[in-house]
Amino acid sequence: MASEADAALLANGGKGDFHFGDRLSYAPVKADRILRDGDTIELGGVKMTAHLTPGHTKGCTTWTMKVKEGLKLYDIVFVGSTSVPGYKLVDSPTYPAIAADYARTFRILKRLPCDVFLASHGSFFSMQEKAERKAGQPKANPFVDPRGYRSFVAQTERAFAAQLRAQKQTKVSGKSGGR
């Protein structure tokens, strides 16, 4: 299962990626199901909801679900990614809507209720540190971390905004310096 945009890249074997071009190719994969924003899937009795959060990839997807532990119901968020690893955000010929997509993604992430923050990379949510704290204090659950989620979203949004500002400034400087 994949979003429409990511399914297209998978079907191309990674070729034609907006940033990497054909450098990270692999055997093509056909998605069995195209996911749309708000679609739900059920795996092993667990229901998850897809939230399209493009930017990092054109079809980046964040997942949410609810988990009950004892009498408490937790909102879980699995963030796809919000990192901007050297992407061209201004006048991108291969992804013209990239900056708008990132901005939309941050608006979506800020609206999602989150008690437990997980992500595509453990470093995004301090997985190793939380696992060590959990092992040392089994009754406490450091994975319940709504503040860590909000901090991650704010921090990565600031990094995106700084990169966007720098690229816009370079564009303006380049044009005014060439006249």
Foldseek 3Di string as FASTA:
>chain_A
DFAPQVQVCLQVQNALFLPCHCVNGHPRDHDPDHDDAQDWDADPNWIKGWHQQDQVGNRFTKIWGWDDDPNDIFIEIAGEDLADVPPQQDPRPSCVCNLVSSVVNLVVLVPGDGQFYHYPDCVLQVNVVQVVVCVVPVVDHPRRPRPSSVVSSVVSVVVSVVVVVVSVVCVVCVVVVVD
